[in-house]
Amino acid sequence: MGQEAQISASVSTTTREKLDRFTESRGLKKNFVVEQALLYFMESRSELPDEAFIPTRIVLGNAAFDRLVKLLKRPPKPTRALIELMRGK
């Protein structure tokens, strides 16, 4: 292993607790998990276009939210084009 450097980052209490549980349940060191996560993140961001990353939060106005709820409750039937796409045609 090469030289080591320490970094500092603030994370939410929830994320810290998840990291603690994750590493403890798998017998892993936090340093290892954090470094691997950073490497995977940076690699994916350099290889994929920005459009491939979906934001974790979507903000909708009231009308758009109501429309989305309606579509989720009664989704439209798939179009022929969608069916062909899903079948790989």
C-alpha atoms as a PDB file:
ATOM      1  CA  MET A   1       0.000   0.000   0.000  1.00  0.00           C
ATOM      2  CA  GLY A   2       1.268   3.492  -0.828  1.00  0.00           C
ATOM      3  CA  GLN A   3       1.530   6.483   1.412  1.00  0.00           C
ATOM      4  CA  GLU A   4      -1.564   7.428   3.330  1.00  0.00           C
ATOM      5  CA  ALA A   5      -3.150  10.833   3.809  1.00  0.00           C
ATOM      6  CA  GLN A   6      -6.012  11.774   6.048  1.00  0.00           C
ATOM      7  CA  ILE A   7      -9.048  13.624   4.709  1.00  0.00           C
ATOM      8  CA  SER A   8     -11.889  15.221   6.577  1.00  0.00           C
ATOM      9  CA  ALA A   9     -15.520  15.330   5.506  1.00  0.00           C
ATOM     10  CA  SER A  10     -18.764  16.089   7.284  1.00  0.00           C
ATOM     11  CA  VAL A  11     -21.603  13.625   6.775  1.00  0.00           C
ATOM     12  CA  SER A  12     -25.065  13.396   8.269  1.00  0.00           C
ATOM     13  CA  THR A  13     -25.549  11.513  11.500  1.00  0.00           C
ATOM     14  CA  THR A  14     -27.698   9.017   9.603  1.00  0.00           C
ATOM     15  CA  THR A  15     -24.930   8.322   7.087  1.00  0.00           C
ATOM     16  CA  ARG A  16     -22.387   7.912   9.884  1.00  0.00           C
ATOM     17  CA  GLU A  17     -24.656   5.452  11.685  1.00  0.00           C
ATOM     18  CA  LYS A  18     -25.202   3.479   8.468  1.00  0.00           C
ATOM     19  CA  LEU A  19     -21.457   3.346   7.878  1.00  0.00           C
ATOM     20  CA  ASP A  20     -20.874   2.172  11.448  1.00  0.00           C
ATOM     21  CA  ARG A  21     -23.481  -0.606  11.139  1.00  0.00           C
ATOM     22  CA  PHE A  22     -22.271  -1.623   7.677  1.00  0.00           C
ATOM     23  CA  THR A  23     -18.609  -1.915   8.621  1.00  0.00           C
ATOM     24  CA  GLU A  24     -19.284  -3.597  11.942  1.00  0.00           C
ATOM     25  CA  SER A  25     -21.637  -6.200  10.462  1.00  0.00           C
ATOM     26  CA  ARG A  26     -19.103  -7.130   7.770  1.00  0.00           C
ATOM     27  CA  GLY A  27     -15.936  -6.832   9.804  1.00  0.00           C
ATOM     28  CA  LEU A  28     -14.550  -4.102   7.569  1.00  0.00           C
ATOM     29  CA  LYS A  29     -12.468  -1.059   8.401  1.00  0.00           C
ATOM     30  CA  LYS A  30     -14.150   2.287   7.797  1.00  0.00           C
ATOM     31  CA  ASN A  31     -11.064   3.614   6.031  1.00  0.00           C
ATOM     32  CA  PHE A  32     -11.275   0.791   3.490  1.00  0.00           C
ATOM     33  CA  VAL A  33     -14.998   1.292   2.819  1.00  0.00           C
ATOM     34  CA  VAL A  34     -14.689   5.064   2.454  1.00  0.00           C
ATOM     35  CA  GLU A  35     -11.682   4.819   0.134  1.00  0.00           C
ATOM     36  CA  GLN A  36     -13.357   2.183  -2.055  1.00  0.00           C
ATOM     37  CA  ALA A  37     -16.559   4.226  -2.214  1.00  0.00           C
ATOM     38  CA  LEU A  38     -14.640   7.326  -3.284  1.00  0.00           C
ATOM     39  CA  LEU A  39     -12.708   5.420  -5.927  1.00  0.00           C
ATOM     40  CA  TYR A  40     -15.878   3.833  -7.356  1.00  0.00           C
ATOM     41  CA  PHE A  41     -17.649   7.203  -7.355  1.00  0.00           C
ATOM     42  CA  MET A  42     -14.829   9.044  -9.097  1.00  0.00           C
ATOM     43  CA  GLU A  43     -14.367   6.246 -11.648  1.00  0.00           C
ATOM     44  CA  SER A  44     -18.054   6.178 -12.538  1.00  0.00           C
ATOM     45  CA  ARG A  45     -18.202   9.966 -12.853  1.00  0.00           C
ATOM     46  CA  SER A  46     -15.252   9.956 -15.233  1.00  0.00           C
ATOM     47  CA  GLU A  47     -16.595   7.131 -17.412  1.00  0.00           C
ATOM     48  CA  LEU A  48     -20.281   8.016 -17.624  1.00  0.00           C
ATOM     49  CA  PRO A  49     -21.891  11.189 -18.968  1.00  0.00           C
ATOM     50  CA  ASP A  50     -23.524  13.545 -16.484  1.00  0.00           C
ATOM     51  CA  GLU A  51     -26.936  12.573 -17.904  1.00  0.00           C
ATOM     52  CA  ALA A  52     -26.457   9.063 -16.487  1.00  0.00           C
ATOM     53  CA  PHE A  53     -26.699  10.362 -12.939  1.00  0.00           C
ATOM     54  CA  ILE A  54     -30.235  10.927 -11.743  1.00  0.00           C
ATOM     55  CA  PRO A  55     -30.645  13.509  -9.001  1.00  0.00           C
ATOM     56  CA  THR A  56     -31.594  11.994  -5.648  1.00  0.00           C
ATOM     57  CA  ARG A  57     -34.339  14.541  -5.130  1.00  0.00           C
ATOM     58  CA  ILE A  58     -36.998  15.738  -7.531  1.00  0.00           C
ATOM     59  CA  VAL A  59     -39.019  18.827  -6.669  1.00  0.00           C
ATOM     60  CA  LEU A  60     -42.492  19.040  -8.185  1.00  0.00           C
ATOM     61  CA  GLY A  61     -45.098  21.741  -8.115  1.00  0.00           C
ATOM     62  CA  ASN A  62     -48.578  20.858  -6.853  1.00  0.00           C
ATOM     63  CA  ALA A  63     -50.065  20.323 -10.326  1.00  0.00           C
ATOM     64  CA  ALA A  64     -47.204  18.096 -11.469  1.00  0.00           C
ATOM     65  CA  PHE A  65     -47.369  16.116  -8.229  1.00  0.00           C
ATOM     66  CA  ASP A  66     -51.115  15.571  -8.623  1.00  0.00           C
ATOM     67  CA  ARG A  67     -50.579  14.400 -12.213  1.00  0.00           C
ATOM     68  CA  LEU A  68     -47.847  12.001 -11.122  1.00  0.00           C
ATOM     69  CA  VAL A  69     -50.049  10.519  -8.392  1.00  0.00           C
ATOM     70  CA  LYS A  70     -52.855  10.058 -10.916  1.00  0.00           C
ATOM     71  CA  LEU A  71     -50.499   8.294 -13.358  1.00  0.00           C
ATOM     72  CA  LEU A  72     -49.163   6.040 -10.633  1.00  0.00           C
ATOM     73  CA  LYS A  73     -52.666   5.049  -9.531  1.00  0.00           C
ATOM     74  CA  ARG A  74     -53.859   4.403 -13.097  1.00  0.00           C
ATOM     75  CA  PRO A  75     -50.874   3.929 -15.392  1.00  0.00           C
ATOM     76  CA  PRO A  76     -51.551   4.116 -19.130  1.00  0.00           C
ATOM     77  CA  LYS A  77     -51.251   0.984 -21.245  1.00  0.00           C
ATOM     78  CA  PRO A  78     -47.838   0.555 -22.872  1.00  0.00           C
ATOM     79  CA  THR A  79     -47.530   1.813 -26.423  1.00  0.00           C
ATOM     80  CA  ARG A  80     -46.504  -0.460 -29.284  1.00  0.00           C
ATOM     81  CA  ALA A  81     -43.148   1.337 -29.434  1.00  0.00           C
ATOM     82  CA  LEU A  82     -42.511   0.644 -25.740  1.00  0.00           C
ATOM     83  CA  ILE A  83     -43.430  -3.016 -26.109  1.00  0.00           C
ATOM     84  CA  GLU A  84     -41.056  -3.375 -29.079  1.00  0.00           C
ATOM     85  CA  LEU A  85     -38.312  -1.594 -27.169  1.00  0.00           C
ATOM     86  CA  MET A  86     -38.686  -3.911 -24.187  1.00  0.00           C
ATOM     87  CA  ARG A  87     -38.613  -6.950 -26.484  1.00  0.00           C
ATOM     88  CA  GLY A  88     -35.399  -5.692 -28.084  1.00  0.00           C
ATOM     89  CA  LYS A  89     -36.824  -5.076 -31.538  1.00  0.00           C
END
